[in-house]
Amino acid sequence: MKLRILENSIRFRLSVHDLESLSEHGTISSSIRISHDRTFTYTLQSIDKISVLSSDFVDDEVLFCIPKDKIKRLCDPGEVGIYDAIKHNDLVLLNITIEKDFKCLTPRAEDESDLFPNPNESHTEC
């Protein structure tokens, strides 16, 4: 799972395995060692009985709870991503994007064997 943060937006890119695990097991996590004694963990959790995204930050872990029906829709081959926001009193606190990670259209040194086929294969640029 890849994580990208820009100002008040977070984007997750999920590999085939990530999406399968999230769909089947309800949770996926990744960690980054920040220092010799601190690790930052980010977790996506698919929850059955919620209708809106939520988040929490406890003990160096940020947890994002996503309605299970949104994850189920993302598993559809024609779907690319989930585009939503965490709000409080109609004020957007954080924009959330959860997308399938597609193979690049030009050759790279990165292993892309677990990425989704690019829907724009006929184009030649990433």
Protein backbone atom coordinates (compact mmCIF):
# COMPACT_ATOMS: atom_id res chain seq x y z
CA MET A 1 0.00 0.00 0.00
CA LYS A 2 1.36 3.37 -0.99
CA LEU A 3 0.56 6.56 0.90
CA ARG A 4 0.75 10.10 -0.42
CA ILE A 5 0.02 13.18 1.68
CA LEU A 6 -0.46 16.65 0.26
CA GLU A 7 -1.75 19.39 2.53
CA ASN A 8 -5.21 18.27 3.65
CA SER A 9 -5.46 15.25 1.38
CA ILE A 10 -4.37 11.64 1.72
CA ARG A 11 -4.20 9.20 -1.17
CA PHE A 12 -3.77 5.47 -0.80
CA ARG A 13 -2.77 3.29 -3.75
CA LEU A 14 -3.67 -0.36 -3.35
CA SER A 15 -2.06 -3.29 -5.14
CA VAL A 16 -4.09 -6.34 -6.17
CA HIS A 17 -3.01 -8.12 -2.97
CA ASP A 18 -3.85 -5.08 -0.81
CA LEU A 19 -7.39 -4.84 -2.17
CA GLU A 20 -7.93 -8.60 -1.89
CA SER A 21 -6.73 -8.55 1.74
CA LEU A 22 -8.86 -5.55 2.63
CA SER A 23 -11.91 -7.12 1.04
CA GLU A 24 -11.39 -10.60 2.53
CA HIS A 25 -9.91 -9.81 5.95
CA GLY A 26 -11.24 -6.32 6.58
CA THR A 27 -7.94 -4.61 7.30
CA ILE A 28 -4.54 -3.77 5.83
CA SER A 29 -1.63 -1.89 7.41
CA SER A 30 1.77 -0.56 6.47
CA SER A 31 4.47 0.94 8.65
CA ILE A 32 7.35 3.36 8.30
CA ARG A 33 10.20 3.41 10.79
CA ILE A 34 10.60 7.08 11.73
CA SER A 35 13.48 6.64 14.15
CA HIS A 36 15.22 3.84 16.03
CA ASP A 37 12.34 3.63 18.52
CA ARG A 38 9.28 5.02 16.67
CA THR A 39 7.19 3.55 13.88
CA PHE A 40 4.34 5.27 12.10
CA THR A 41 1.58 2.86 11.03
CA TYR A 42 -1.32 3.57 8.69
CA THR A 43 -4.28 1.23 8.51
CA LEU A 44 -7.35 0.89 6.35
CA GLN A 45 -10.24 -1.00 7.88
CA SER A 46 -13.42 -2.08 6.10
CA ILE A 47 -16.41 -1.77 8.47
CA ASP A 48 -19.82 -3.29 7.80
CA LYS A 49 -22.12 -1.08 9.86
CA ILE A 50 -20.91 2.44 9.00
CA SER A 51 -22.01 4.77 6.21
CA VAL A 52 -19.30 7.46 6.29
CA LEU A 53 -15.52 7.46 6.46
CA SER A 54 -13.88 8.12 9.80
CA SER A 55 -10.36 8.33 11.15
CA ASP A 56 -8.45 8.19 14.41
CA PHE A 57 -4.84 8.70 15.45
CA VAL A 58 -3.63 6.78 18.50
CA ASP A 59 -0.18 5.55 19.55
CA ASP A 60 1.61 6.40 16.28
CA GLU A 61 -1.11 4.75 14.18
CA VAL A 62 -3.62 6.47 11.96
CA LEU A 63 -6.70 4.36 11.33
CA PHE A 64 -9.14 5.00 8.50
CA CYS A 65 -12.50 3.23 8.68
CA ILE A 66 -14.23 2.81 5.32
CA PRO A 67 -17.77 1.55 4.75
CA LYS A 68 -17.57 -2.06 3.56
CA ASP A 69 -19.89 -1.37 0.61
CA LYS A 70 -17.38 1.17 -0.78
CA ILE A 71 -14.60 -1.44 -0.64
CA LYS A 72 -16.90 -3.97 -2.27
CA ARG A 73 -17.58 -1.53 -5.14
CA LEU A 74 -13.85 -0.86 -5.55
CA CYS A 75 -13.35 -4.58 -6.19
CA ASP A 76 -15.40 -4.21 -9.38
CA PRO A 77 -13.00 -4.28 -12.38
CA GLY A 78 -14.52 -1.07 -13.80
CA GLU A 79 -13.98 0.95 -10.61
CA VAL A 80 -10.81 3.00 -10.16
CA GLY A 81 -11.14 4.54 -6.72
CA ILE A 82 -13.01 5.87 -3.74
CA TYR A 83 -13.11 9.65 -3.51
CA ASP A 84 -14.54 10.96 -0.26
CA ALA A 85 -13.88 13.21 2.71
CA ILE A 86 -13.96 13.09 6.45
CA LYS A 87 -16.20 15.90 7.62
CA HIS A 88 -17.30 17.53 10.85
CA ASN A 89 -20.45 19.68 10.82
CA ASP A 90 -20.29 19.77 6.99
CA LEU A 91 -16.74 21.11 7.14
CA VAL A 92 -14.21 18.97 5.23
CA LEU A 93 -11.40 18.00 7.57
CA LEU A 94 -9.55 15.63 5.26
CA ASN A 95 -9.95 14.53 1.65
CA ILE A 96 -9.45 10.78 1.20
CA THR A 97 -8.64 8.99 -2.04
CA ILE A 98 -8.26 5.21 -2.18
CA GLU A 99 -7.28 4.02 -5.65
CA LYS A 100 -6.15 0.88 -7.38
CA ASP A 101 -2.44 1.10 -8.16
CA PHE A 102 -2.06 0.65 -11.91
CA LYS A 103 0.97 -0.49 -13.84
CA CYS A 104 2.94 2.34 -15.40
CA LEU A 105 2.59 2.81 -19.14
CA THR A 106 6.35 3.14 -19.65
CA PRO A 107 9.00 0.69 -18.37
CA ARG A 108 10.37 1.32 -14.86
CA ALA A 109 12.76 -0.48 -12.54
CA GLU A 110 9.98 -0.96 -9.95
CA ASP A 111 8.35 -4.38 -9.56
CA GLU A 112 4.79 -4.00 -10.85
CA SER A 113 3.78 -7.65 -10.85
CA ASP A 114 1.13 -7.07 -8.13
CA LEU A 115 -0.36 -3.94 -9.70
CA PHE A 116 -3.60 -3.66 -11.65
CA PRO A 117 -3.50 -3.60 -15.45
CA ASN A 118 -3.52 -0.01 -16.66
CA PRO A 119 -6.87 0.90 -18.27
CA ASN A 120 -5.04 3.33 -20.58
CA GLU A 121 -2.68 0.77 -22.12
CA SER A 122 -3.09 2.35 -25.54
CA HIS A 123 -1.35 5.53 -24.32
CA THR A 124 2.43 5.78 -24.03
CA GLU A 125 3.04 8.10 -21.04
CA CYS A 126 2.66 7.73 -17.26
